[in-house]
Amino acid sequence: MPKLKTRKAASKRYKITGNDNFLRKHAFKGHLLMKKSNRQKRKLSQVTCVSKRDSNAIKLMLPY
């Protein structure tokens, strides 16, 4: 059986934790930051966990 390939885009976006959860960054932090409040930008800088519904698809993209 051949080896499975890792989706490189997914490996750059997600990190796996010890409990098989995936960490991701928030969107909307790339540009147009002048109109966003400091509180909003601070919240967007934090890392959060991926929802359970999306984690099944990410497991297929990151087999190892």
PDB file of N, CA and C in Angstrom:
ATOM      1  N   MET A   1       0.845  -1.179   0.000  1.00  0.00           N
ATOM      2  CA  MET A   1       0.000   0.000   0.000  1.00  0.00           C
ATOM      3  C   MET A   1       0.892   1.244   0.000  1.00  0.00           C
ATOM      4  N   PRO A   2       0.593   2.221  -0.844  1.00  0.00           N
ATOM      5  CA  PRO A   2       1.465   3.403  -0.909  1.00  0.00           C
ATOM      6  C   PRO A   2       1.281   4.306   0.297  1.00  0.00           C
ATOM      7  N   LYS A   3       2.294   5.129   0.506  1.00  0.00           N
ATOM      8  CA  LYS A   3       2.228   6.084   1.605  1.00  0.00           C
ATOM      9  C   LYS A   3       1.229   7.184   1.273  1.00  0.00           C
ATOM     10  N   LEU A   4       0.590   7.718   2.304  1.00  0.00           N
ATOM     11  CA  LEU A   4      -0.351   8.814   2.118  1.00  0.00           C
ATOM     12  C   LEU A   4       0.391  10.135   2.090  1.00  0.00           C
ATOM     13  N   LYS A   5      -0.061  11.024   1.247  1.00  0.00           N
ATOM     14  CA  LYS A   5       0.574  12.330   1.158  1.00  0.00           C
ATOM     15  C   LYS A   5      -0.125  13.319   2.079  1.00  0.00           C
ATOM     16  N   THR A   6       0.660  14.207   2.647  1.00  0.00           N
ATOM     17  CA  THR A   6       0.137  15.261   3.511  1.00  0.00           C
ATOM     18  C   THR A   6      -0.226  16.460   2.651  1.00  0.00           C
ATOM     19  N   ARG A   7      -1.376  17.054   2.928  1.00  0.00           N
ATOM     20  CA  ARG A   7      -1.741  18.308   2.259  1.00  0.00           C
ATOM     21  C   ARG A   7      -0.898  19.422   2.855  1.00  0.00           C
ATOM     22  N   LYS A   8      -0.010  19.994   2.063  1.00  0.00           N
ATOM     23  CA  LYS A   8       0.942  20.960   2.577  1.00  0.00           C
ATOM     24  C   LYS A   8       0.260  22.238   3.052  1.00  0.00           C
ATOM     25  N   ALA A   9      -0.827  22.631   2.409  1.00  0.00           N
ATOM     26  CA  ALA A   9      -1.539  23.833   2.846  1.00  0.00           C
ATOM     27  C   ALA A   9      -2.119  23.632   4.242  1.00  0.00           C
ATOM     28  N   ALA A  10      -2.617  22.440   4.511  1.00  0.00           N
ATOM     29  CA  ALA A  10      -3.189  22.149   5.823  1.00  0.00           C
ATOM     30  C   ALA A  10      -2.097  22.064   6.888  1.00  0.00           C
ATOM     31  N   SER A  11      -0.932  21.541   6.517  1.00  0.00           N
ATOM     32  CA  SER A  11       0.136  21.421   7.505  1.00  0.00           C
ATOM     33  C   SER A  11       0.673  22.782   7.910  1.00  0.00           C
ATOM     34  N   LYS A  12       0.548  23.787   7.027  1.00  0.00           N
ATOM     35  CA  LYS A  12       0.993  25.130   7.370  1.00  0.00           C
ATOM     36  C   LYS A  12      -0.039  25.876   8.212  1.00  0.00           C
ATOM     37  N   ARG A  13      -1.298  25.478   8.149  1.00  0.00           N
ATOM     38  CA  ARG A  13      -2.358  26.204   8.839  1.00  0.00           C
ATOM     39  C   ARG A  13      -2.724  25.625  10.194  1.00  0.00           C
ATOM     40  N   TYR A  14      -2.543  24.329  10.387  1.00  0.00           N
ATOM     41  CA  TYR A  14      -3.027  23.669  11.598  1.00  0.00           C
ATOM     42  C   TYR A  14      -1.885  23.000  12.338  1.00  0.00           C
ATOM     43  N   LYS A  15      -1.996  22.980  13.667  1.00  0.00           N
ATOM     44  CA  LYS A  15      -1.070  22.232  14.513  1.00  0.00           C
ATOM     45  C   LYS A  15      -1.886  21.265  15.348  1.00  0.00           C
ATOM     46  N   ILE A  16      -1.352  20.069  15.552  1.00  0.00           N
ATOM     47  CA  ILE A  16      -2.060  19.061  16.326  1.00  0.00           C
ATOM     48  C   ILE A  16      -1.587  19.132  17.775  1.00  0.00           C
ATOM     49  N   THR A  17      -2.525  18.958  18.703  1.00  0.00           N
ATOM     50  CA  THR A  17      -2.207  18.972  20.127  1.00  0.00           C
ATOM     51  C   THR A  17      -2.050  17.540  20.614  1.00  0.00           C
ATOM     52  N   GLY A  18      -1.779  17.389  21.890  1.00  0.00           N
ATOM     53  CA  GLY A  18      -1.602  16.064  22.453  1.00  0.00           C
ATOM     54  C   GLY A  18      -2.884  15.260  22.522  1.00  0.00           C
ATOM     55  N   ASN A  19      -4.031  15.941  22.574  1.00  0.00           N
ATOM     56  CA  ASN A  19      -5.318  15.254  22.672  1.00  0.00           C
ATOM     57  C   ASN A  19      -5.997  15.110  21.326  1.00  0.00           C
ATOM     58  N   ASP A  20      -5.231  15.158  20.240  1.00  0.00           N
ATOM     59  CA  ASP A  20      -5.744  15.044  18.868  1.00  0.00           C
ATOM     60  C   ASP A  20      -6.701  16.166  18.508  1.00  0.00           C
ATOM     61  N   ASN A  21      -6.538  17.326  19.123  1.00  0.00           N
ATOM     62  CA  ASN A  21      -7.250  18.516  18.677  1.00  0.00           C
ATOM     63  C   ASN A  21      -6.337  19.288  17.741  1.00  0.00           C
ATOM     64  N   PHE A  22      -6.928  20.179  16.956  1.00  0.00           N
ATOM     65  CA  PHE A  22      -6.156  20.982  16.029  1.00  0.00           C
ATOM     66  C   PHE A  22      -6.266  22.444  16.420  1.00  0.00           C
ATOM     67  N   LEU A  23      -5.143  23.153  16.352  1.00  0.00           N
ATOM     68  CA  LEU A  23      -5.111  24.572  16.648  1.00  0.00           C
ATOM     69  C   LEU A  23      -5.100  25.352  15.351  1.00  0.00           C
ATOM     70  N   ARG A  24      -5.760  26.506  15.350  1.00  0.00           N
ATOM     71  CA  ARG A  24      -5.809  27.350  14.171  1.00  0.00           C
ATOM     72  C   ARG A  24      -5.745  28.799  14.608  1.00  0.00           C
ATOM     73  N   LYS A  25      -5.437  29.669  13.649  1.00  0.00           N
ATOM     74  CA  LYS A  25      -5.450  31.104  13.894  1.00  0.00           C
ATOM     75  C   LYS A  25      -6.759  31.676  13.388  1.00  0.00           C
ATOM     76  N   HIS A  26      -7.082  32.859  13.869  1.00  0.00           N
ATOM     77  CA  HIS A  26      -8.301  33.534  13.444  1.00  0.00           C
ATOM     78  C   HIS A  26      -8.098  34.221  12.102  1.00  0.00           C
ATOM     79  N   ALA A  27      -9.185  34.405  11.402  1.00  0.00           N
ATOM     80  CA  ALA A  27      -9.174  35.159  10.156  1.00  0.00           C
ATOM     81  C   ALA A  27      -9.371  36.647  10.469  1.00  0.00           C
ATOM     82  N   PHE A  28      -9.338  37.474   9.444  1.00  0.00           N
ATOM     83  CA  PHE A  28      -9.612  38.922   9.520  1.00  0.00           C
ATOM     84  C   PHE A  28      -8.537  39.688  10.286  1.00  0.00           C
ATOM     85  N   LYS A  29      -7.300  39.212  10.290  1.00  0.00           N
ATOM     86  CA  LYS A  29      -6.218  39.925  10.965  1.00  0.00           C
ATOM     87  C   LYS A  29      -5.146  40.344   9.973  1.00  0.00           C
ATOM     88  N   GLY A  30      -5.394  40.190   8.687  1.00  0.00           N
ATOM     89  CA  GLY A  30      -4.357  40.450   7.709  1.00  0.00           C
ATOM     90  C   GLY A  30      -4.234  41.891   7.276  1.00  0.00           C
ATOM     91  N   HIS A  31      -5.349  42.588   7.144  1.00  0.00           N
ATOM     92  CA  HIS A  31      -5.303  43.961   6.647  1.00  0.00           C
ATOM     93  C   HIS A  31      -6.537  44.697   7.145  1.00  0.00           C
ATOM     94  N   LEU A  32      -6.620  45.994   6.828  1.00  0.00           N
ATOM     95  CA  LEU A  32      -7.717  46.873   7.273  1.00  0.00           C
ATOM     96  C   LEU A  32      -7.791  46.899   8.797  1.00  0.00           C
ATOM     97  N   LEU A  33      -6.641  47.090   9.431  1.00  0.00           N
ATOM     98  CA  LEU A  33      -6.580  47.008  10.882  1.00  0.00           C
ATOM     99  C   LEU A  33      -6.856  48.343  11.574  1.00  0.00           C
ATOM    100  N   MET A  34      -6.868  49.440  10.818  1.00  0.00           N
ATOM    101  CA  MET A  34      -7.090  50.743  11.448  1.00  0.00           C
ATOM    102  C   MET A  34      -8.508  50.878  11.990  1.00  0.00           C
ATOM    103  N   LYS A  35      -9.473  50.309  11.291  1.00  0.00           N
ATOM    104  CA  LYS A  35     -10.866  50.458  11.709  1.00  0.00           C
ATOM    105  C   LYS A  35     -11.279  49.460  12.786  1.00  0.00           C
ATOM    106  N   LYS A  36     -10.449  48.461  13.041  1.00  0.00           N
ATOM    107  CA  LYS A  36     -10.771  47.469  14.061  1.00  0.00           C
ATOM    108  C   LYS A  36     -10.264  47.957  15.415  1.00  0.00           C
ATOM    109  N   SER A  37     -11.024  47.646  16.438  1.00  0.00           N
ATOM    110  CA  SER A  37     -10.642  48.086  17.775  1.00  0.00           C
ATOM    111  C   SER A  37      -9.474  47.248  18.293  1.00  0.00           C
ATOM    112  N   ASN A  38      -8.804  47.774  19.304  1.00  0.00           N
ATOM    113  CA  ASN A  38      -7.687  47.037  19.904  1.00  0.00           C
ATOM    114  C   ASN A  38      -8.170  45.742  20.531  1.00  0.00           C
ATOM    115  N   ARG A  39      -9.359  45.763  21.089  1.00  0.00           N
ATOM    116  CA  ARG A  39      -9.905  44.557  21.697  1.00  0.00           C
ATOM    117  C   ARG A  39     -10.140  43.477  20.645  1.00  0.00           C
ATOM    118  N   GLN A  40     -10.688  43.875  19.503  1.00  0.00           N
ATOM    119  CA  GLN A  40     -10.948  42.914  18.440  1.00  0.00           C
ATOM    120  C   GLN A  40      -9.639  42.344  17.890  1.00  0.00           C
ATOM    121  N   LYS A  41      -8.645  43.195  17.692  1.00  0.00           N
ATOM    122  CA  LYS A  41      -7.372  42.720  17.171  1.00  0.00           C
ATOM    123  C   LYS A  41      -6.672  41.809  18.166  1.00  0.00           C
ATOM    124  N   ARG A  42      -6.801  42.097  19.449  1.00  0.00           N
ATOM    125  CA  ARG A  42      -6.204  41.243  20.468  1.00  0.00           C
ATOM    126  C   ARG A  42      -6.863  39.874  20.486  1.00  0.00           C
ATOM    127  N   LYS A  43      -8.182  39.836  20.340  1.00  0.00           N
ATOM    128  CA  LYS A  43      -8.901  38.555  20.307  1.00  0.00           C
ATOM    129  C   LYS A  43      -8.549  37.753  19.057  1.00  0.00           C
ATOM    130  N   LEU A  44      -8.359  38.449  17.932  1.00  0.00           N
ATOM    131  CA  LEU A  44      -8.037  37.759  16.694  1.00  0.00           C
ATOM    132  C   LEU A  44      -6.618  37.205  16.699  1.00  0.00           C
ATOM    133  N   SER A  45      -5.763  37.713  17.576  1.00  0.00           N
ATOM    134  CA  SER A  45      -4.389  37.223  17.640  1.00  0.00           C
ATOM    135  C   SER A  45      -4.275  35.897  18.369  1.00  0.00           C
ATOM    136  N   GLN A  46      -5.286  35.539  19.137  1.00  0.00           N
ATOM    137  CA  GLN A  46      -5.213  34.315  19.926  1.00  0.00           C
ATOM    138  C   GLN A  46      -5.401  33.084  19.043  1.00  0.00           C
ATOM    139  N   VAL A  47      -4.842  31.976  19.485  1.00  0.00           N
ATOM    140  CA  VAL A  47      -4.989  30.701  18.802  1.00  0.00           C
ATOM    141  C   VAL A  47      -6.167  29.973  19.431  1.00  0.00           C
ATOM    142  N   THR A  48      -6.970  29.307  18.602  1.00  0.00           N
ATOM    143  CA  THR A  48      -8.144  28.602  19.107  1.00  0.00           C
ATOM    144  C   THR A  48      -8.188  27.197  18.525  1.00  0.00           C
ATOM    145  N   CYS A  49      -9.057  26.379  19.069  1.00  0.00           N
ATOM    146  CA  CYS A  49      -9.206  25.003  18.601  1.00  0.00           C
ATOM    147  C   CYS A  49     -10.203  24.948  17.450  1.00  0.00           C
ATOM    148  N   VAL A  50      -9.988  23.994  16.576  1.00  0.00           N
ATOM    149  CA  VAL A  50     -10.897  23.761  15.458  1.00  0.00           C
ATOM    150  C   VAL A  50     -12.124  23.028  15.991  1.00  0.00           C
ATOM    151  N   SER A  51     -13.281  23.302  15.415  1.00  0.00           N
ATOM    152  CA  SER A  51     -14.497  22.641  15.863  1.00  0.00           C
ATOM    153  C   SER A  51     -14.436  21.148  15.541  1.00  0.00           C
ATOM    154  N   LYS A  52     -15.205  20.367  16.267  1.00  0.00           N
ATOM    155  CA  LYS A  52     -15.200  18.914  16.092  1.00  0.00           C
ATOM    156  C   LYS A  52     -15.661  18.519  14.694  1.00  0.00           C
ATOM    157  N   ARG A  53     -16.579  19.275  14.140  1.00  0.00           N
ATOM    158  CA  ARG A  53     -17.104  18.956  12.822  1.00  0.00           C
ATOM    159  C   ARG A  53     -16.043  19.125  11.739  1.00  0.00           C
ATOM    160  N   ASP A  54     -15.171  20.116  11.890  1.00  0.00           N
ATOM    161  CA  ASP A  54     -14.129  20.346  10.896  1.00  0.00           C
ATOM    162  C   ASP A  54     -12.893  19.485  11.126  1.00  0.00           C
ATOM    163  N   SER A  55     -12.726  18.982  12.332  1.00  0.00           N
ATOM    164  CA  SER A  55     -11.500  18.242  12.633  1.00  0.00           C
ATOM    165  C   SER A  55     -11.444  16.906  11.896  1.00  0.00           C
ATOM    166  N   ASN A  56     -12.583  16.335  11.539  1.00  0.00           N
ATOM    167  CA  ASN A  56     -12.564  15.077  10.801  1.00  0.00           C
ATOM    168  C   ASN A  56     -11.968  15.265   9.413  1.00  0.00           C
ATOM    169  N   ALA A  57     -12.270  16.380   8.763  1.00  0.00           N
ATOM    170  CA  ALA A  57     -11.704  16.648   7.440  1.00  0.00           C
ATOM    171  C   ALA A  57     -10.215  16.944   7.551  1.00  0.00           C
ATOM    172  N   ILE A  58      -9.802  17.588   8.619  1.00  0.00           N
ATOM    173  CA  ILE A  58      -8.384  17.925   8.774  1.00  0.00           C
ATOM    174  C   ILE A  58      -7.572  16.673   9.071  1.00  0.00           C
ATOM    175  N   LYS A  59      -8.157  15.716   9.767  1.00  0.00           N
ATOM    176  CA  LYS A  59      -7.454  14.444  10.021  1.00  0.00           C
ATOM    177  C   LYS A  59      -7.129  13.717   8.725  1.00  0.00           C
ATOM    178  N   LEU A  60      -8.009  13.833   7.728  1.00  0.00           N
ATOM    179  CA  LEU A  60      -7.728  13.198   6.444  1.00  0.00           C
ATOM    180  C   LEU A  60      -6.612  13.938   5.706  1.00  0.00           C
ATOM    181  N   MET A  61      -6.525  15.244   5.898  1.00  0.00           N
ATOM    182  CA  MET A  61      -5.490  16.012   5.218  1.00  0.00           C
ATOM    183  C   MET A  61      -4.120  15.835   5.865  1.00  0.00           C
ATOM    184  N   LEU A  62      -4.096  15.534   7.166  1.00  0.00           N
ATOM    185  CA  LEU A  62      -2.842  15.361   7.896  1.00  0.00           C
ATOM    186  C   LEU A  62      -2.771  13.934   8.438  1.00  0.00           C
ATOM    187  N   PRO A  63      -2.395  12.976   7.619  1.00  0.00           N
ATOM    188  CA  PRO A  63      -2.451  11.581   8.086  1.00  0.00           C
ATOM    189  C   PRO A  63      -1.369  11.228   9.090  1.00  0.00           C
ATOM    190  N   TYR A  64      -0.266  11.979   9.159  1.00  0.00           N
ATOM    191  CA  TYR A  64       0.845  11.606  10.052  1.00  0.00           C
ATOM    192  C   TYR A  64       1.077  12.656  11.100  1.00  0.00           C
TER     193      TYR A  64
END
